[in-house]
Full PDB file with SEQRES, HELIX, SHEET, SSBOND, CRYST1, ORIGX, SCALE, CONECT and MASTER records, all heavy atoms in Angstrom:
SEQRES   1 A   38  TRP SER PHE HIS GLY TYR ILE PRO GLY ARG PHE LYS LEU          
SEQRES   2 A   38  THR VAL MET ALA GLU LEU PRO LEU LEU GLY ALA GLY ALA          
SEQRES   3 A   38  GLN ALA ALA SER THR ALA TYR TRP GLU THR TYR GLU              
HELIX    1 AA1 HIS A    4  TYR A    6  5                                   3    
HELIX    2 AA2 LEU A   13  GLU A   18  5                                   6    
HELIX    3 AA3 ALA A   26  TYR A   37  1                                  12    
CRYST1    1.000    1.000    1.000  90.00  90.00  90.00 P 1           1          
ORIGX1      1.000000  0.000000  0.000000        0.00000                         
ORIGX2      0.000000  1.000000  0.000000        0.00000                         
ORIGX3      0.000000  0.000000  1.000000        0.00000                         
SCALE1      1.000000  0.000000  0.000000        0.00000                         
SCALE2      0.000000  1.000000  0.000000        0.00000                         
SCALE3      0.000000  0.000000  1.000000        0.00000                         
ATOM      1  N   TRP A   1      -3.266  -8.288  19.727  1.00  0.00           N  
ATOM      2  CA  TRP A   1      -2.942  -7.989  18.379  1.00  0.00           C  
ATOM      3  C   TRP A   1      -3.152  -6.471  18.148  1.00  0.00           C  
ATOM      4  O   TRP A   1      -4.038  -5.919  18.879  1.00  0.00           O  
ATOM      5  CB  TRP A   1      -3.719  -8.825  17.371  1.00  0.00           C  
ATOM      6  CG  TRP A   1      -5.184  -8.432  17.290  1.00  0.00           C  
ATOM      7  CD1 TRP A   1      -6.117  -8.776  18.178  1.00  0.00           C  
ATOM      8  CD2 TRP A   1      -5.859  -7.751  16.231  1.00  0.00           C  
ATOM      9  NE1 TRP A   1      -7.336  -8.327  17.796  1.00  0.00           N  
ATOM     10  CE2 TRP A   1      -7.177  -7.734  16.576  1.00  0.00           C  
ATOM     11  CE3 TRP A   1      -5.436  -7.219  15.006  1.00  0.00           C  
ATOM     12  CZ2 TRP A   1      -8.205  -7.075  15.773  1.00  0.00           C  
ATOM     13  CZ3 TRP A   1      -6.383  -6.565  14.206  1.00  0.00           C  
ATOM     14  CH2 TRP A   1      -7.736  -6.550  14.593  1.00  0.00           C  
ATOM     15  N   SER A   2      -2.453  -5.838  17.245  1.00  0.00           N  
ATOM     16  CA  SER A   2      -2.643  -4.449  16.947  1.00  0.00           C  
ATOM     17  C   SER A   2      -1.999  -4.058  15.649  1.00  0.00           C  
ATOM     18  O   SER A   2      -1.330  -4.899  14.974  1.00  0.00           O  
ATOM     19  CB  SER A   2      -2.131  -3.613  18.106  1.00  0.00           C  
ATOM     20  OG  SER A   2      -2.654  -2.295  18.068  1.00  0.00           O  
ATOM     21  N   PHE A   3      -2.113  -2.804  15.267  1.00  0.00           N  
ATOM     22  CA  PHE A   3      -1.707  -2.264  14.071  1.00  0.00           C  
ATOM     23  C   PHE A   3      -0.447  -1.474  14.286  1.00  0.00           C  
ATOM     24  O   PHE A   3      -0.358  -0.599  15.203  1.00  0.00           O  
ATOM     25  CB  PHE A   3      -2.856  -1.382  13.485  1.00  0.00           C  
ATOM     26  CG  PHE A   3      -2.440  -0.572  12.266  1.00  0.00           C  
ATOM     27  CD1 PHE A   3      -2.124  -1.246  11.088  1.00  0.00           C  
ATOM     28  CD2 PHE A   3      -2.582   0.824  12.233  1.00  0.00           C  
ATOM     29  CE1 PHE A   3      -1.738  -0.549   9.941  1.00  0.00           C  
ATOM     30  CE2 PHE A   3      -2.298   1.549  11.099  1.00  0.00           C  
ATOM     31  CZ  PHE A   3      -1.878   0.830   9.944  1.00  0.00           C  
ATOM     32  N   HIS A   4       0.632  -1.786  13.522  1.00  0.00           N  
ATOM     33  CA  HIS A   4       1.977  -1.186  13.717  1.00  0.00           C  
ATOM     34  C   HIS A   4       1.873   0.328  13.546  1.00  0.00           C  
ATOM     35  O   HIS A   4       2.610   1.059  14.187  1.00  0.00           O  
ATOM     36  CB  HIS A   4       2.932  -1.812  12.787  1.00  0.00           C  
ATOM     37  CG  HIS A   4       3.344  -3.159  13.136  1.00  0.00           C  
ATOM     38  ND1 HIS A   4       3.055  -4.248  12.305  1.00  0.00           N  
ATOM     39  CD2 HIS A   4       3.973  -3.722  14.186  1.00  0.00           C  
ATOM     40  CE1 HIS A   4       3.574  -5.334  12.842  1.00  0.00           C  
ATOM     41  NE2 HIS A   4       4.053  -5.079  14.030  1.00  0.00           N  
ATOM     42  N   GLY A   5       1.050   0.780  12.618  1.00  0.00           N  
ATOM     43  CA  GLY A   5       0.960   2.195  12.271  1.00  0.00           C  
ATOM     44  C   GLY A   5       0.569   3.076  13.367  1.00  0.00           C  
ATOM     45  O   GLY A   5       0.695   4.351  13.319  1.00  0.00           O  
ATOM     46  N   TYR A   6      -0.064   2.485  14.449  1.00  0.00           N  
ATOM     47  CA  TYR A   6      -0.541   3.282  15.577  1.00  0.00           C  
ATOM     48  C   TYR A   6       0.634   3.725  16.382  1.00  0.00           C  
ATOM     49  O   TYR A   6       0.530   4.728  17.205  1.00  0.00           O  
ATOM     50  CB  TYR A   6      -1.434   2.507  16.458  1.00  0.00           C  
ATOM     51  CG  TYR A   6      -2.817   2.226  15.848  1.00  0.00           C  
ATOM     52  CD1 TYR A   6      -3.486   1.060  16.103  1.00  0.00           C  
ATOM     53  CD2 TYR A   6      -3.510   3.201  15.056  1.00  0.00           C  
ATOM     54  CE1 TYR A   6      -4.764   0.776  15.610  1.00  0.00           C  
ATOM     55  CE2 TYR A   6      -4.770   2.899  14.542  1.00  0.00           C  
ATOM     56  CZ  TYR A   6      -5.339   1.745  14.846  1.00  0.00           C  
ATOM     57  OH  TYR A   6      -6.607   1.484  14.249  1.00  0.00           O  
ATOM     58  N   ILE A   7       1.850   3.090  16.279  1.00  0.00           N  
ATOM     59  CA  ILE A   7       3.043   3.531  16.995  1.00  0.00           C  
ATOM     60  C   ILE A   7       4.199   3.660  16.047  1.00  0.00           C  
ATOM     61  O   ILE A   7       5.173   2.846  15.988  1.00  0.00           O  
ATOM     62  CB  ILE A   7       3.376   2.505  18.144  1.00  0.00           C  
ATOM     63  CG1 ILE A   7       2.173   2.133  18.927  1.00  0.00           C  
ATOM     64  CG2 ILE A   7       4.434   3.130  19.107  1.00  0.00           C  
ATOM     65  CD1 ILE A   7       2.357   1.209  20.140  1.00  0.00           C  
ATOM     66  N   PRO A   8       4.237   4.733  15.295  1.00  0.00           N  
ATOM     67  CA  PRO A   8       5.265   4.882  14.160  1.00  0.00           C  
ATOM     68  C   PRO A   8       6.640   5.062  14.727  1.00  0.00           C  
ATOM     69  O   PRO A   8       7.614   4.637  13.985  1.00  0.00           O  
ATOM     70  CB  PRO A   8       4.719   6.097  13.489  1.00  0.00           C  
ATOM     71  CG  PRO A   8       3.915   6.883  14.438  1.00  0.00           C  
ATOM     72  CD  PRO A   8       3.244   5.849  15.240  1.00  0.00           C  
ATOM     73  N   GLY A   9       6.836   5.615  15.878  1.00  0.00           N  
ATOM     74  CA  GLY A   9       8.244   5.793  16.368  1.00  0.00           C  
ATOM     75  C   GLY A   9       8.916   4.485  16.744  1.00  0.00           C  
ATOM     76  O   GLY A   9      10.132   4.303  16.569  1.00  0.00           O  
ATOM     77  N   ARG A  10       8.101   3.593  17.223  1.00  0.00           N  
ATOM     78  CA  ARG A  10       8.672   2.287  17.614  1.00  0.00           C  
ATOM     79  C   ARG A  10       8.800   1.311  16.384  1.00  0.00           C  
ATOM     80  O   ARG A  10       9.801   0.628  16.262  1.00  0.00           O  
ATOM     81  CB  ARG A  10       7.766   1.631  18.636  1.00  0.00           C  
ATOM     82  CG  ARG A  10       8.183   0.221  19.044  1.00  0.00           C  
ATOM     83  CD  ARG A  10       7.350  -0.319  20.150  1.00  0.00           C  
ATOM     84  NE  ARG A  10       7.737  -1.682  20.525  1.00  0.00           N  
ATOM     85  CZ  ARG A  10       7.169  -2.431  21.488  1.00  0.00           C  
ATOM     86  NH1 ARG A  10       6.153  -1.972  22.178  1.00  0.00           N  
ATOM     87  NH2 ARG A  10       7.595  -3.630  21.813  1.00  0.00           N  
ATOM     88  N   PHE A  11       7.790   1.336  15.532  1.00  0.00           N  
ATOM     89  CA  PHE A  11       7.748   0.413  14.398  1.00  0.00           C  
ATOM     90  C   PHE A  11       8.016   1.165  13.088  1.00  0.00           C  
ATOM     91  O   PHE A  11       7.215   1.881  12.636  1.00  0.00           O  
ATOM     92  CB  PHE A  11       6.468  -0.342  14.339  1.00  0.00           C  
ATOM     93  CG  PHE A  11       6.154  -1.221  15.605  1.00  0.00           C  
ATOM     94  CD1 PHE A  11       5.213  -0.787  16.468  1.00  0.00           C  
ATOM     95  CD2 PHE A  11       6.907  -2.369  15.819  1.00  0.00           C  
ATOM     96  CE1 PHE A  11       4.864  -1.524  17.570  1.00  0.00           C  
ATOM     97  CE2 PHE A  11       6.600  -3.059  16.988  1.00  0.00           C  
ATOM     98  CZ  PHE A  11       5.666  -2.659  17.860  1.00  0.00           C  
ATOM     99  N   LYS A  12       9.267   1.012  12.648  1.00  0.00           N  
ATOM    100  CA  LYS A  12       9.655   1.674  11.383  1.00  0.00           C  
ATOM    101  C   LYS A  12       9.784   0.634  10.233  1.00  0.00           C  
ATOM    102  O   LYS A  12       9.402   0.904   9.079  1.00  0.00           O  
ATOM    103  CB  LYS A  12      10.881   2.481  11.562  1.00  0.00           C  
ATOM    104  CG  LYS A  12      10.797   3.679  12.489  1.00  0.00           C  
ATOM    105  CD  LYS A  12      12.070   4.515  12.454  1.00  0.00           C  
ATOM    106  CE  LYS A  12      11.895   5.776  13.335  1.00  0.00           C  
ATOM    107  NZ  LYS A  12      13.163   6.543  13.325  1.00  0.00           N  
ATOM    108  N   LEU A  13      10.419  -0.451  10.510  1.00  0.00           N  
ATOM    109  CA  LEU A  13      10.749  -1.453   9.465  1.00  0.00           C  
ATOM    110  C   LEU A  13       9.434  -2.112   8.922  1.00  0.00           C  
ATOM    111  O   LEU A  13       9.401  -2.443   7.765  1.00  0.00           O  
ATOM    112  CB  LEU A  13      11.695  -2.493   9.991  1.00  0.00           C  
ATOM    113  CG  LEU A  13      13.142  -2.043  10.235  1.00  0.00           C  
ATOM    114  CD1 LEU A  13      13.950  -3.046  10.975  1.00  0.00           C  
ATOM    115  CD2 LEU A  13      13.792  -1.697   8.912  1.00  0.00           C  
ATOM    116  N   THR A  14       8.480  -2.154   9.785  1.00  0.00           N  
ATOM    117  CA  THR A  14       7.202  -2.813   9.387  1.00  0.00           C  
ATOM    118  C   THR A  14       6.450  -2.012   8.339  1.00  0.00           C  
ATOM    119  O   THR A  14       5.595  -2.566   7.660  1.00  0.00           O  
ATOM    120  CB  THR A  14       6.272  -2.910  10.610  1.00  0.00           C  
ATOM    121  OG1 THR A  14       6.016  -1.687  11.179  1.00  0.00           O  
ATOM    122  CG2 THR A  14       6.835  -3.919  11.609  1.00  0.00           C  
ATOM    123  N   VAL A  15       6.822  -0.790   8.123  1.00  0.00           N  
ATOM    124  CA  VAL A  15       6.319   0.101   7.005  1.00  0.00           C  
ATOM    125  C   VAL A  15       6.547  -0.606   5.664  1.00  0.00           C  
ATOM    126  O   VAL A  15       5.771  -0.402   4.713  1.00  0.00           O  
ATOM    127  CB  VAL A  15       6.796   1.447   7.071  1.00  0.00           C  
ATOM    128  CG1 VAL A  15       6.434   2.341   5.894  1.00  0.00           C  
ATOM    129  CG2 VAL A  15       6.344   2.183   8.375  1.00  0.00           C  
ATOM    130  N   MET A  16       7.700  -1.341   5.569  1.00  0.00           N  
ATOM    131  CA  MET A  16       7.988  -2.052   4.329  1.00  0.00           C  
ATOM    132  C   MET A  16       6.802  -2.748   3.740  1.00  0.00           C  
ATOM    133  O   MET A  16       6.606  -2.677   2.489  1.00  0.00           O  
ATOM    134  CB  MET A  16       9.132  -3.060   4.673  1.00  0.00           C  
ATOM    135  CG  MET A  16       9.467  -3.981   3.469  1.00  0.00           C  
ATOM    136  SD  MET A  16      10.277  -5.515   4.019  1.00  0.00           S  
ATOM    137  CE  MET A  16       8.823  -6.413   4.661  1.00  0.00           C  
ATOM    138  N   ALA A  17       6.045  -3.437   4.590  1.00  0.00           N  
ATOM    139  CA  ALA A  17       4.950  -4.298   4.113  1.00  0.00           C  
ATOM    140  C   ALA A  17       3.708  -3.421   3.622  1.00  0.00           C  
ATOM    141  O   ALA A  17       2.873  -3.971   2.940  1.00  0.00           O  
ATOM    142  CB  ALA A  17       4.512  -5.271   5.198  1.00  0.00           C  
ATOM    143  N   GLU A  18       3.693  -2.200   3.938  1.00  0.00           N  
ATOM    144  CA  GLU A  18       2.503  -1.311   3.670  1.00  0.00           C  
ATOM    145  C   GLU A  18       2.726  -0.485   2.403  1.00  0.00           C  
ATOM    146  O   GLU A  18       1.726   0.181   1.920  1.00  0.00           O  
ATOM    147  CB  GLU A  18       2.261  -0.409   4.853  1.00  0.00           C  
ATOM    148  CG  GLU A  18       1.869  -1.062   6.087  1.00  0.00           C  
ATOM    149  CD  GLU A  18       1.252  -0.090   7.093  1.00  0.00           C  
ATOM    150  OE1 GLU A  18       1.266   1.117   6.870  1.00  0.00           O  
ATOM    151  OE2 GLU A  18       0.815  -0.581   8.143  1.00  0.00           O  
ATOM    152  N   LEU A  19       3.950  -0.451   1.893  1.00  0.00           N  
ATOM    153  CA  LEU A  19       4.285   0.458   0.780  1.00  0.00           C  
ATOM    154  C   LEU A  19       3.348   0.145  -0.397  1.00  0.00           C  
ATOM    155  O   LEU A  19       2.943  -0.973  -0.641  1.00  0.00           O  
ATOM    156  CB  LEU A  19       5.759   0.370   0.364  1.00  0.00           C  
ATOM    157  CG  LEU A  19       6.725   0.838   1.430  1.00  0.00           C  
ATOM    158  CD1 LEU A  19       8.156   0.529   1.073  1.00  0.00           C  
ATOM    159  CD2 LEU A  19       6.589   2.332   1.630  1.00  0.00           C  
ATOM    160  N   PRO A  20       3.008   1.230  -1.216  1.00  0.00           N  
ATOM    161  CA  PRO A  20       1.988   1.123  -2.216  1.00  0.00           C  
ATOM    162  C   PRO A  20       2.336   0.166  -3.337  1.00  0.00           C  
ATOM    163  O   PRO A  20       3.547  -0.100  -3.552  1.00  0.00           O  
ATOM    164  CB  PRO A  20       1.832   2.594  -2.709  1.00  0.00           C  
ATOM    165  CG  PRO A  20       2.325   3.409  -1.615  1.00  0.00           C  
ATOM    166  CD  PRO A  20       3.407   2.656  -0.924  1.00  0.00           C  
ATOM    167  N   LEU A  21       1.287  -0.211  -4.104  1.00  0.00           N  
ATOM    168  CA  LEU A  21       1.444  -0.942  -5.402  1.00  0.00           C  
ATOM    169  C   LEU A  21       2.127  -2.317  -5.262  1.00  0.00           C  
ATOM    170  O   LEU A  21       2.882  -2.692  -6.157  1.00  0.00           O  
ATOM    171  CB  LEU A  21       2.156  -0.016  -6.411  1.00  0.00           C  
ATOM    172  CG  LEU A  21       1.578   1.458  -6.531  1.00  0.00           C  
ATOM    173  CD1 LEU A  21       2.459   2.213  -7.513  1.00  0.00           C  
ATOM    174  CD2 LEU A  21       0.130   1.336  -7.008  1.00  0.00           C  
ATOM    175  N   LEU A  22       1.850  -3.002  -4.220  1.00  0.00           N  
ATOM    176  CA  LEU A  22       2.500  -4.345  -3.989  1.00  0.00           C  
ATOM    177  C   LEU A  22       1.958  -5.381  -5.076  1.00  0.00           C  
ATOM    178  O   LEU A  22       2.711  -6.193  -5.516  1.00  0.00           O  
ATOM    179  CB  LEU A  22       2.174  -4.871  -2.607  1.00  0.00           C  
ATOM    180  CG  LEU A  22       2.737  -6.243  -2.251  1.00  0.00           C  
ATOM    181  CD1 LEU A  22       4.238  -6.275  -2.330  1.00  0.00           C  
ATOM    182  CD2 LEU A  22       2.230  -6.729  -0.900  1.00  0.00           C  
ATOM    183  N   GLY A  23       0.667  -5.272  -5.384  1.00  0.00           N  
ATOM    184  CA  GLY A  23       0.203  -6.158  -6.408  1.00  0.00           C  
ATOM    185  C   GLY A  23      -0.058  -7.555  -5.839  1.00  0.00           C  
ATOM    186  O   GLY A  23       0.023  -8.604  -6.530  1.00  0.00           O  
ATOM    187  N   ALA A  24      -0.478  -7.643  -4.585  1.00  0.00           N  
ATOM    188  CA  ALA A  24      -0.741  -8.955  -3.932  1.00  0.00           C  
ATOM    189  C   ALA A  24      -1.850  -8.721  -2.905  1.00  0.00           C  
ATOM    190  O   ALA A  24      -1.987  -7.664  -2.370  1.00  0.00           O  
ATOM    191  CB  ALA A  24       0.533  -9.509  -3.277  1.00  0.00           C  
ATOM    192  N   GLY A  25      -2.628  -9.778  -2.638  1.00  0.00           N  
ATOM    193  CA  GLY A  25      -3.646  -9.673  -1.668  1.00  0.00           C  
ATOM    194  C   GLY A  25      -3.181 -10.054  -0.282  1.00  0.00           C  
ATOM    195  O   GLY A  25      -1.976 -10.303  -0.085  1.00  0.00           O  
ATOM    196  N   ALA A  26      -4.086 -10.104   0.646  1.00  0.00           N  
ATOM    197  CA  ALA A  26      -3.686 -10.228   2.074  1.00  0.00           C  
ATOM    198  C   ALA A  26      -2.961 -11.547   2.322  1.00  0.00           C  
ATOM    199  O   ALA A  26      -2.065 -11.602   3.178  1.00  0.00           O  
ATOM    200  CB  ALA A  26      -4.940 -10.052   2.922  1.00  0.00           C  
ATOM    201  N   GLN A  27      -3.446 -12.649   1.749  1.00  0.00           N  
ATOM    202  CA  GLN A  27      -2.898 -13.933   2.086  1.00  0.00           C  
ATOM    203  C   GLN A  27      -1.504 -14.086   1.500  1.00  0.00           C  
ATOM    204  O   GLN A  27      -0.560 -14.458   2.341  1.00  0.00           O  
ATOM    205  CB  GLN A  27      -3.755 -15.075   1.507  1.00  0.00           C  
ATOM    206  CG  GLN A  27      -3.185 -16.465   1.843  1.00  0.00           C  
ATOM    207  CD  GLN A  27      -4.094 -17.615   1.363  1.00  0.00           C  
ATOM    208  OE1 GLN A  27      -5.264 -17.449   1.180  1.00  0.00           O  
ATOM    209  NE2 GLN A  27      -3.532 -18.750   1.129  1.00  0.00           N  
ATOM    210  N   ALA A  28      -1.252 -13.772   0.293  1.00  0.00           N  
ATOM    211  CA  ALA A  28       0.058 -13.865  -0.277  1.00  0.00           C  
ATOM    212  C   ALA A  28       1.021 -12.894   0.433  1.00  0.00           C  
ATOM    213  O   ALA A  28       2.179 -13.281   0.782  1.00  0.00           O  
ATOM    214  CB  ALA A  28       0.083 -13.508  -1.731  1.00  0.00           C  
ATOM    215  N   ALA A  29       0.591 -11.680   0.747  1.00  0.00           N  
ATOM    216  CA  ALA A  29       1.448 -10.683   1.408  1.00  0.00           C  
ATOM    217  C   ALA A  29       1.780 -11.170   2.810  1.00  0.00           C  
ATOM    218  O   ALA A  29       2.893 -10.967   3.276  1.00  0.00           O  
ATOM    219  CB  ALA A  29       0.707  -9.374   1.392  1.00  0.00           C  
ATOM    220  N   SER A  30       0.839 -11.728   3.552  1.00  0.00           N  
ATOM    221  CA  SER A  30       1.092 -12.151   4.961  1.00  0.00           C  
ATOM    222  C   SER A  30       2.148 -13.298   4.986  1.00  0.00           C  
ATOM    223  O   SER A  30       2.948 -13.295   5.853  1.00  0.00           O  
ATOM    224  CB  SER A  30      -0.232 -12.573   5.576  1.00  0.00           C  
ATOM    225  OG  SER A  30      -1.153 -11.569   5.642  1.00  0.00           O  
ATOM    226  N   THR A  31       2.017 -14.231   4.088  1.00  0.00           N  
ATOM    227  CA  THR A  31       3.017 -15.307   4.065  1.00  0.00           C  
ATOM    228  C   THR A  31       4.386 -14.744   3.789  1.00  0.00           C  
ATOM    229  O   THR A  31       5.402 -15.066   4.400  1.00  0.00           O  
ATOM    230  CB  THR A  31       2.591 -16.351   3.037  1.00  0.00           C  
ATOM    231  OG1 THR A  31       1.282 -16.788   3.195  1.00  0.00           O  
ATOM    232  CG2 THR A  31       3.516 -17.536   2.999  1.00  0.00           C  
ATOM    233  N   ALA A  32       4.502 -13.907   2.748  1.00  0.00           N  
ATOM    234  CA  ALA A  32       5.744 -13.331   2.352  1.00  0.00           C  
ATOM    235  C   ALA A  32       6.318 -12.429   3.492  1.00  0.00           C  
ATOM    236  O   ALA A  32       7.526 -12.381   3.688  1.00  0.00           O  
ATOM    237  CB  ALA A  32       5.584 -12.457   1.105  1.00  0.00           C  
ATOM    238  N   TYR A  33       5.393 -11.778   4.187  1.00  0.00           N  
ATOM    239  CA  TYR A  33       5.813 -10.876   5.270  1.00  0.00           C  
ATOM    240  C   TYR A  33       6.535 -11.627   6.413  1.00  0.00           C  
ATOM    241  O   TYR A  33       7.623 -11.194   6.820  1.00  0.00           O  
ATOM    242  CB  TYR A  33       4.519 -10.166   5.857  1.00  0.00           C  
ATOM    243  CG  TYR A  33       4.744  -8.957   6.785  1.00  0.00           C  
ATOM    244  CD1 TYR A  33       5.946  -8.425   6.953  1.00  0.00           C  
ATOM    245  CD2 TYR A  33       3.660  -8.476   7.498  1.00  0.00           C  
ATOM    246  CE1 TYR A  33       6.120  -7.320   7.793  1.00  0.00           C  
ATOM    247  CE2 TYR A  33       3.815  -7.378   8.316  1.00  0.00           C  
ATOM    248  CZ  TYR A  33       5.020  -6.855   8.410  1.00  0.00           C  
ATOM    249  OH  TYR A  33       5.238  -5.706   9.337  1.00  0.00           O  
ATOM    250  N   TRP A  34       5.932 -12.745   6.820  1.00  0.00           N  
ATOM    251  CA  TRP A  34       6.603 -13.472   7.924  1.00  0.00           C  
ATOM    252  C   TRP A  34       8.015 -13.937   7.457  1.00  0.00           C  
ATOM    253  O   TRP A  34       8.976 -13.844   8.232  1.00  0.00           O  
ATOM    254  CB  TRP A  34       5.727 -14.739   8.322  1.00  0.00           C  
ATOM    255  CG  TRP A  34       6.401 -15.493   9.435  1.00  0.00           C  
ATOM    256  CD1 TRP A  34       7.230 -16.526   9.323  1.00  0.00           C  
ATOM    257  CD2 TRP A  34       6.372 -15.152  10.852  1.00  0.00           C  
ATOM    258  NE1 TRP A  34       7.652 -16.940  10.531  1.00  0.00           N  
ATOM    259  CE2 TRP A  34       7.181 -16.118  11.521  1.00  0.00           C  
ATOM    260  CE3 TRP A  34       5.746 -14.063  11.574  1.00  0.00           C  
ATOM    261  CZ2 TRP A  34       7.394 -16.076  12.860  1.00  0.00           C  
ATOM    262  CZ3 TRP A  34       5.852 -14.131  12.946  1.00  0.00           C  
ATOM    263  CH2 TRP A  34       6.690 -15.066  13.581  1.00  0.00           C  
ATOM    264  N   GLU A  35       8.074 -14.509   6.276  1.00  0.00           N  
ATOM    265  CA  GLU A  35       9.379 -14.977   5.716  1.00  0.00           C  
ATOM    266  C   GLU A  35      10.389 -13.896   5.669  1.00  0.00           C  
ATOM    267  O   GLU A  35      11.549 -14.015   6.094  1.00  0.00           O  
ATOM    268  CB  GLU A  35       9.157 -15.567   4.380  1.00  0.00           C  
ATOM    269  CG  GLU A  35       8.359 -16.857   4.404  1.00  0.00           C  
ATOM    270  CD  GLU A  35       8.151 -17.506   2.931  1.00  0.00           C  
ATOM    271  OE1 GLU A  35       8.286 -16.733   1.971  1.00  0.00           O  
ATOM    272  OE2 GLU A  35       7.793 -18.686   2.939  1.00  0.00           O  
ATOM    273  N   THR A  36       9.984 -12.716   5.118  1.00  0.00           N  
ATOM    274  CA  THR A  36      10.954 -11.618   5.008  1.00  0.00           C  
ATOM    275  C   THR A  36      11.349 -11.058   6.354  1.00  0.00           C  
ATOM    276  O   THR A  36      12.490 -10.634   6.530  1.00  0.00           O  
ATOM    277  CB  THR A  36      10.335 -10.497   4.108  1.00  0.00           C  
ATOM    278  OG1 THR A  36       9.775 -11.089   2.952  1.00  0.00           O  
ATOM    279  CG2 THR A  36      11.329  -9.432   3.750  1.00  0.00           C  
ATOM    280  N   TYR A  37      10.360 -11.046   7.262  1.00  0.00           N  
ATOM    281  CA  TYR A  37      10.691 -10.506   8.649  1.00  0.00           C  
ATOM    282  C   TYR A  37      11.764 -11.387   9.261  1.00  0.00           C  
ATOM    283  O   TYR A  37      12.716 -10.908   9.798  1.00  0.00           O  
ATOM    284  CB  TYR A  37       9.424 -10.455   9.455  1.00  0.00           C  
ATOM    285  CG  TYR A  37       9.635  -9.989  10.834  1.00  0.00           C  
ATOM    286  CD1 TYR A  37       9.623  -8.638  11.132  1.00  0.00           C  
ATOM    287  CD2 TYR A  37       9.982 -10.924  11.921  1.00  0.00           C  
ATOM    288  CE1 TYR A  37       9.879  -8.188  12.437  1.00  0.00           C  
ATOM    289  CE2 TYR A  37      10.183 -10.393  13.150  1.00  0.00           C  
ATOM    290  CZ  TYR A  37      10.186  -9.054  13.476  1.00  0.00           C  
ATOM    291  OH  TYR A  37      10.402  -8.563  14.713  1.00  0.00           O  
ATOM    292  N   GLU A  38      11.612 -12.686   9.202  1.00  0.00           N  
ATOM    293  CA  GLU A  38      12.514 -13.557   9.861  1.00  0.00           C  
ATOM    294  C   GLU A  38      13.889 -13.448   9.231  1.00  0.00           C  
ATOM    295  O   GLU A  38      14.875 -13.549   9.977  1.00  0.00           O  
ATOM    296  CB  GLU A  38      12.029 -15.044   9.694  1.00  0.00           C  
ATOM    297  CG  GLU A  38      10.929 -15.421  10.724  1.00  0.00           C  
ATOM    298  CD  GLU A  38      10.846 -16.900  10.882  1.00  0.00           C  
ATOM    299  OE1 GLU A  38      10.827 -17.654   9.909  1.00  0.00           O  
ATOM    300  OE2 GLU A  38      10.879 -17.343  12.042  1.00  0.00           O  
TER     301      GLU A  38                                                      
MASTER        0    0    0    3    0    0    0    6  300    1    0    3          
END                                                                             
């Protein structure tokens, strides 16, 4: 496992999940993240 931000050139779309002011905690965001990614 690792953090996408350590390799910004390879991982660009994953920045979507990090953008400020989401208004959700880790659990809700993680569930939504997998669904949106797929």
